[in-house]
Amino acid sequence: MAGSAVARESLSVLRETIARIEGRPASVLAAADTVSLPALRPQSKAGDNANGNLLSLGLPEFDDPLGGGLPLDGLSEIRSGELRDAGAASGFMLALGVCILARKLGSGRLLWIGETIAGMEAGLPHAAGLADYGLDPAGLLYAAPRRPEDALWLAEAALASGAFAAVILEVRGNPQRFGLTESRRLSLKARSVGRPLLLLRQAGVEEASSALFRFHLRPAPAAARHLPDGSMLGGSIGNPVFHLTLEKSRLPAFSDIFLEWSAHDRQFFLANPHALPATGRSADPGAHFSASSDGPDRAAPMGSVVAFSRAS
């Protein structure tokens, strides 16, 4: 009996150590041996979670695969596959920032460390536009360092200061000077100070990083505006809709989810993809241009199936 108790205590210490390294509650690890897989998904409620370091959107379809919500003490990544989607990715990141500011962390301000080329494509923050989007312009500080090294230094210094509710680091593509080592350092810094670091990767591909979660974001067609009588105003453009795919998670993840942002309510709502208007085709789509013969090779798809030798 004594040996069994010692073994259980050792196992409990091991679980707590693993949970601390991975940045998730030890209860999730302990539950893995005793409950079925669906039971690992706690039901979320709007703005409420057992862990104060989680940002719950009040949508179980989004919160549950994240273990209750987006972590507010670590690194999370949002990436767009093409630079033309930079506006949608920036809009989603700003909407997350509005939700984070509601938690009253730090000074109640966001720090956005921008990237020059992405800013030229998506545009720079505009005070009137931020206000219409639900974000107080006084709550956002925008920095545009010239070199990647300066951006990384600024992100680490901002996290260490603890003065900001969240730090948004924008990069373009997959720069060599921001790899796994740099991502690991920033992740540890965010975890040690208990502040969220949101990595916005514009026109990038999947790569190994220390992010707890990674989303692939694409723009989705917006529905028409609602009239007071409940009907839809034909030809109008309603709230922005984002198409999210959770690419990295330690829990069973959704394949695709559509979120609608309401600037009036400052809240995300679940959008029905079947109710959204179909994406129209160009009048003269033409043929796609072939890849440049002397340009860089395209990134290979992730998760390729490989053959293993027979065991017997």
Protein backbone atom coordinates (compact mmCIF):
# COMPACT_ATOMS: atom_id res chain seq x y z
CA MET A 1 0.00 0.00 0.00
CA ALA A 2 2.85 2.40 0.90
CA GLY A 3 4.62 1.64 -2.37
CA SER A 4 1.44 2.29 -4.32
CA ALA A 5 0.94 5.65 -2.60
CA VAL A 6 4.53 6.67 -3.34
CA ALA A 7 4.07 5.70 -6.99
CA ARG A 8 0.89 7.76 -7.26
CA GLU A 9 2.61 10.75 -5.67
CA SER A 10 5.56 10.45 -8.05
CA LEU A 11 3.18 10.25 -11.00
CA SER A 12 1.34 13.34 -9.78
CA VAL A 13 4.61 15.30 -9.49
CA LEU A 14 5.59 14.19 -12.99
CA ARG A 15 2.26 15.34 -14.40
CA GLU A 16 2.58 18.73 -12.72
CA THR A 17 6.10 19.13 -14.12
CA ILE A 18 4.95 18.28 -17.64
CA ALA A 19 1.99 20.64 -17.34
CA ARG A 20 4.24 23.47 -16.14
CA ILE A 21 6.64 22.95 -19.07
CA GLU A 22 3.85 22.79 -21.64
CA GLY A 23 1.91 25.66 -20.09
CA ARG A 24 -1.40 23.89 -19.49
CA PRO A 25 -3.34 22.85 -16.38
CA ALA A 26 -2.18 19.65 -14.72
CA SER A 27 -5.82 18.60 -14.39
CA VAL A 28 -5.94 18.00 -18.13
CA LEU A 29 -3.07 15.52 -17.89
CA ALA A 30 -4.57 13.80 -14.88
CA ALA A 31 -7.91 13.46 -16.60
CA ALA A 32 -6.35 11.80 -19.63
CA ASP A 33 -6.03 8.48 -17.80
CA THR A 34 -9.53 8.36 -16.37
CA VAL A 35 -11.97 10.01 -18.78
CA SER A 36 -12.88 9.56 -22.39
CA LEU A 37 -11.69 11.91 -25.11
CA PRO A 38 -14.87 14.04 -25.37
CA ALA A 39 -14.72 14.67 -21.64
CA LEU A 40 -11.43 16.55 -22.13
CA ARG A 41 -13.44 19.41 -23.63
CA PRO A 42 -14.83 21.61 -20.84
CA GLN A 43 -17.97 23.51 -21.67
CA SER A 44 -17.24 27.23 -21.86
CA LYS A 45 -19.41 30.17 -20.91
CA ALA A 46 -19.10 33.75 -22.10
CA GLY A 47 -16.26 35.50 -20.28
CA ASP A 48 -15.97 32.72 -17.69
CA ASN A 49 -13.28 30.07 -17.28
CA ALA A 50 -11.73 28.16 -14.43
CA ASN A 51 -8.28 29.52 -15.31
CA GLY A 52 -8.02 33.30 -15.15
CA ASN A 53 -5.27 33.20 -17.79
CA LEU A 54 -7.65 32.15 -20.56
CA LEU A 55 -9.64 34.36 -22.91
CA SER A 56 -13.01 32.75 -23.52
CA LEU A 57 -15.09 33.98 -26.45
CA GLY A 58 -18.19 32.30 -25.05
CA LEU A 59 -18.30 29.96 -28.06
CA PRO A 60 -17.76 26.28 -27.18
CA GLU A 61 -16.86 25.56 -30.80
CA PHE A 62 -13.86 27.87 -30.39
CA ASP A 63 -13.05 27.67 -26.68
CA ASP A 64 -13.24 23.93 -26.04
CA PRO A 65 -10.46 22.79 -28.43
CA LEU A 66 -8.23 25.37 -26.74
CA GLY A 67 -8.90 23.94 -23.29
CA GLY A 68 -11.26 26.74 -22.30
CA GLY A 69 -9.99 29.71 -24.28
CA LEU A 70 -7.01 31.49 -25.75
CA PRO A 71 -4.07 31.59 -23.30
CA LEU A 72 -3.25 35.02 -21.90
CA ASP A 73 0.17 33.98 -20.63
CA GLY A 74 1.88 32.55 -23.69
CA LEU A 75 2.48 32.69 -27.43
CA SER A 76 -0.34 32.14 -29.94
CA GLU A 77 0.03 32.42 -33.72
CA ILE A 78 -2.35 33.61 -36.42
CA ARG A 79 -1.14 33.18 -39.99
CA SER A 80 -2.49 34.09 -43.40
CA GLY A 81 -1.47 32.09 -46.44
CA GLU A 82 -1.27 35.03 -48.86
CA LEU A 83 -0.35 38.67 -48.48
CA ARG A 84 -3.64 39.74 -50.03
CA ASP A 85 -5.33 38.33 -46.89
CA ALA A 86 -3.34 40.70 -44.67
CA GLY A 87 -6.35 42.95 -44.11
CA ALA A 88 -8.50 40.10 -42.84
CA ALA A 89 -5.73 38.77 -40.59
CA SER A 90 -5.09 42.23 -39.15
CA GLY A 91 -8.81 42.73 -38.57
CA PHE A 92 -9.12 39.46 -36.67
CA MET A 93 -6.09 40.32 -34.55
CA LEU A 94 -7.57 43.71 -33.68
CA ALA A 95 -10.85 42.05 -32.71
CA LEU A 96 -8.95 39.72 -30.38
CA GLY A 97 -7.23 42.79 -28.97
CA VAL A 98 -10.60 44.36 -28.16
CA CYS A 99 -11.58 41.21 -26.26
CA ILE A 100 -8.26 41.19 -24.39
CA LEU A 101 -8.60 44.85 -23.41
CA ALA A 102 -11.90 43.99 -21.76
CA ARG A 103 -9.87 41.96 -19.24
CA LYS A 104 -8.18 45.16 -17.94
CA LEU A 105 -4.63 43.79 -18.03
CA GLY A 106 -1.63 46.07 -17.51
CA SER A 107 -2.14 49.64 -18.71
CA GLY A 108 -5.13 48.65 -20.82
CA ARG A 109 -3.24 49.21 -24.07
CA LEU A 110 -2.09 47.06 -26.97
CA LEU A 111 1.33 47.26 -28.58
CA TRP A 112 1.34 46.41 -32.29
CA ILE A 113 4.84 45.83 -33.70
CA GLY A 114 4.19 46.16 -37.42
CA GLU A 115 5.99 44.92 -40.52
CA THR A 116 6.73 47.38 -43.32
CA ILE A 117 5.61 45.40 -46.38
CA ALA A 118 2.52 44.03 -44.64
CA GLY A 119 1.63 47.56 -43.60
CA MET A 120 1.87 48.70 -47.22
CA GLU A 121 -0.49 45.91 -48.26
CA ALA A 122 -3.06 46.09 -45.44
CA GLY A 123 -2.63 49.74 -44.49
CA LEU A 124 -1.73 51.33 -41.18
CA PRO A 125 -4.14 51.71 -38.24
CA HIS A 126 -6.47 54.71 -38.63
CA ALA A 127 -8.07 56.30 -35.57
CA ALA A 128 -11.55 56.71 -37.04
CA GLY A 129 -11.51 53.18 -38.42
CA LEU A 130 -10.37 51.72 -35.10
CA ALA A 131 -13.23 53.47 -33.31
CA ASP A 132 -15.76 52.10 -35.81
CA TYR A 133 -14.26 48.65 -35.29
CA GLY A 134 -14.83 48.77 -31.53
CA LEU A 135 -11.31 49.71 -30.41
CA ASP A 136 -10.53 52.96 -28.61
CA PRO A 137 -7.69 54.54 -30.65
CA ALA A 138 -6.00 55.58 -27.39
CA GLY A 139 -5.71 51.90 -26.51
CA LEU A 140 -3.33 51.02 -29.37
CA LEU A 141 0.35 51.88 -29.76
CA TYR A 142 1.86 51.11 -33.16
CA ALA A 143 5.59 50.63 -33.74
CA ALA A 144 7.33 50.06 -37.06
CA PRO A 145 10.94 48.93 -36.49
CA ARG A 146 13.12 48.72 -39.58
CA ARG A 147 14.96 45.49 -38.79
CA PRO A 148 13.67 42.09 -37.58
CA GLU A 149 16.21 42.19 -34.76
CA ASP A 150 14.72 45.45 -33.52
CA ALA A 151 11.21 44.00 -33.67
CA LEU A 152 12.23 40.96 -31.60
CA TRP A 153 14.02 43.14 -29.06
CA LEU A 154 11.01 45.44 -28.77
CA ALA A 155 8.63 42.50 -28.29
CA GLU A 156 10.77 41.02 -25.53
CA ALA A 157 11.23 44.39 -23.80
CA ALA A 158 7.50 45.15 -23.98
CA LEU A 159 6.65 41.78 -22.44
CA ALA A 160 9.23 42.21 -19.70
CA SER A 161 7.81 45.61 -18.78
CA GLY A 162 4.34 44.19 -18.16
CA ALA A 163 2.93 47.55 -19.23
CA PHE A 164 0.72 46.26 -22.04
CA ALA A 165 -2.38 44.12 -22.01
CA ALA A 166 -1.02 42.25 -25.04
CA VAL A 167 1.83 42.49 -27.53
CA ILE A 168 1.16 41.82 -31.23
CA LEU A 169 4.22 40.92 -33.29
CA GLU A 170 3.70 41.04 -37.05
CA VAL A 171 6.11 39.26 -39.39
CA ARG A 172 5.98 38.59 -43.12
CA GLY A 173 6.56 35.09 -44.39
CA ASN A 174 9.03 32.86 -42.57
CA PRO A 175 12.11 35.01 -41.88
CA GLN A 176 15.32 33.19 -41.04
CA ARG A 177 15.99 35.54 -38.15
CA PHE A 178 12.78 34.48 -36.44
CA GLY A 179 13.01 30.74 -36.02
CA LEU A 180 12.33 28.19 -33.32
CA THR A 181 14.99 29.59 -30.97
CA GLU A 182 13.62 33.14 -31.08
CA SER A 183 10.06 31.89 -30.79
CA ARG A 184 11.00 29.81 -27.76
CA ARG A 185 12.63 32.78 -26.04
CA LEU A 186 9.61 35.01 -26.56
CA SER A 187 7.25 32.25 -25.45
CA LEU A 188 9.15 31.78 -22.19
CA LYS A 189 9.17 35.53 -21.60
CA ALA A 190 5.41 35.79 -22.17
CA ARG A 191 4.79 32.90 -19.80
CA SER A 192 7.06 34.28 -17.08
CA VAL A 193 5.35 37.69 -17.01
CA GLY A 194 1.82 36.35 -17.55
CA ARG A 195 1.05 38.39 -20.66
CA PRO A 196 -0.17 37.27 -24.10
CA LEU A 197 2.07 37.51 -27.16
CA LEU A 198 0.12 37.26 -30.41
CA LEU A 199 2.22 36.41 -33.46
CA LEU A 200 0.66 37.62 -36.71
CA ARG A 201 2.40 35.86 -39.61
CA GLN A 202 1.40 37.44 -42.90
CA ALA A 203 1.78 35.29 -46.04
CA GLY A 204 3.60 32.55 -44.16
CA VAL A 205 3.61 28.77 -44.19
CA GLU A 206 3.47 26.34 -41.31
CA GLU A 207 6.71 25.92 -39.43
CA ALA A 208 7.86 24.65 -36.06
CA SER A 209 7.44 27.22 -33.29
CA SER A 210 6.77 27.45 -29.58
CA ALA A 211 3.24 28.77 -30.09
CA LEU A 212 0.68 26.98 -27.95
CA PHE A 213 -1.89 27.30 -30.75
CA ARG A 214 -1.70 28.22 -34.41
CA PHE A 215 -4.62 29.31 -36.59
CA HIS A 216 -4.76 29.60 -40.35
CA LEU A 217 -7.02 32.53 -41.20
CA ARG A 218 -8.78 33.28 -44.47
CA PRO A 219 -11.36 35.95 -45.26
CA ALA A 220 -14.97 34.83 -45.69
CA PRO A 221 -17.83 36.64 -47.44
CA ALA A 222 -19.87 38.83 -45.14
CA ALA A 223 -23.63 38.48 -44.90
CA ALA A 224 -25.97 41.37 -45.70
CA ARG A 225 -27.00 43.83 -43.02
CA HIS A 226 -30.11 43.17 -40.96
CA LEU A 227 -32.98 45.63 -41.17
CA PRO A 228 -35.14 46.50 -38.11
CA ASP A 229 -37.91 44.21 -39.39
CA GLY A 230 -35.50 41.26 -39.45
CA SER A 231 -35.07 41.12 -43.22
CA MET A 232 -31.75 41.48 -45.03
CA LEU A 233 -30.73 44.57 -46.98
CA GLY A 234 -29.84 43.27 -50.40
CA GLY A 235 -26.46 44.29 -51.76
CA SER A 236 -25.22 45.54 -48.39
CA ILE A 237 -22.14 44.39 -46.51
CA GLY A 238 -22.58 43.28 -42.91
CA ASN A 239 -20.12 42.36 -40.19
CA PRO A 240 -16.74 40.88 -41.19
CA VAL A 241 -16.51 37.09 -41.14
CA PHE A 242 -13.30 35.10 -40.64
CA HIS A 243 -12.62 31.52 -41.71
CA LEU A 244 -10.39 29.83 -39.12
CA THR A 245 -8.60 26.49 -39.20
CA LEU A 246 -6.85 25.37 -36.02
CA GLU A 247 -3.55 23.88 -37.19
CA LYS A 248 -1.81 23.32 -33.86
CA SER A 249 -3.43 22.26 -30.61
CA ARG A 250 -2.87 19.69 -27.87
CA LEU A 251 -6.56 18.84 -27.75
CA PRO A 252 -8.84 17.52 -30.51
CA ALA A 253 -9.40 20.49 -32.79
CA PHE A 254 -12.16 21.70 -35.06
CA SER A 255 -11.50 21.48 -38.77
CA ASP A 256 -13.01 24.82 -39.78
CA ILE A 257 -14.99 27.51 -38.01
CA PHE A 258 -16.49 30.79 -39.19
CA LEU A 259 -16.55 33.71 -36.74
CA GLU A 260 -18.41 36.99 -37.22
CA TRP A 261 -17.16 40.11 -35.44
CA SER A 262 -19.70 42.64 -34.22
CA ALA A 263 -18.07 45.99 -33.53
CA HIS A 264 -21.28 47.22 -31.87
CA ASP A 265 -21.37 44.36 -29.36
CA ARG A 266 -17.57 43.98 -29.27
CA GLN A 267 -18.06 40.25 -29.45
CA PHE A 268 -17.57 37.29 -31.77
CA PHE A 269 -20.52 35.26 -32.96
CA LEU A 270 -20.60 31.92 -34.71
CA ALA A 271 -21.41 32.35 -38.41
CA ASN A 272 -23.22 29.74 -40.46
CA PRO A 273 -21.09 29.11 -43.57
CA HIS A 274 -24.12 27.83 -45.50
CA ALA A 275 -25.94 31.13 -44.93
CA LEU A 276 -23.05 33.22 -46.26
CA PRO A 277 -23.14 34.41 -49.86
CA ALA A 278 -21.14 32.38 -52.33
CA THR A 279 -17.84 33.84 -53.44
CA GLY A 280 -18.31 35.22 -56.94
CA ARG A 281 -15.97 34.41 -59.80
CA SER A 282 -14.17 36.95 -61.91
CA ALA A 283 -15.78 37.80 -65.24
CA ASP A 284 -12.59 36.70 -67.00
CA PRO A 285 -10.69 34.43 -64.59
CA GLY A 286 -8.15 33.29 -67.18
CA ALA A 287 -5.35 30.87 -66.48
CA HIS A 288 -3.04 31.03 -63.48
CA PHE A 289 0.51 32.09 -64.17
CA SER A 290 3.09 29.36 -63.89
CA ALA A 291 5.74 29.56 -61.20
CA SER A 292 8.92 31.43 -62.04
CA SER A 293 11.61 29.13 -63.41
CA ASP A 294 14.42 30.75 -61.43
CA GLY A 295 12.45 31.68 -58.31
CA PRO A 296 12.30 29.90 -54.95
CA ASP A 297 10.53 26.57 -54.83
CA ARG A 298 7.08 26.49 -53.29
CA ALA A 299 6.73 25.17 -49.77
CA ALA A 300 5.99 21.46 -49.58
CA PRO A 301 2.63 20.54 -48.01
CA MET A 302 2.66 19.67 -44.33
CA GLY A 303 1.80 16.21 -43.04
CA SER A 304 2.95 14.13 -46.01
CA VAL A 305 2.31 10.40 -45.67
CA VAL A 306 5.52 8.37 -45.55
CA ALA A 307 6.01 4.60 -45.74
CA PHE A 308 7.48 2.63 -42.86
CA SER A 309 9.10 -0.77 -43.12
CA ARG A 310 7.09 -3.75 -41.97
CA ALA A 311 7.56 -4.77 -38.36
CA SER A 312 7.59 -8.45 -39.28
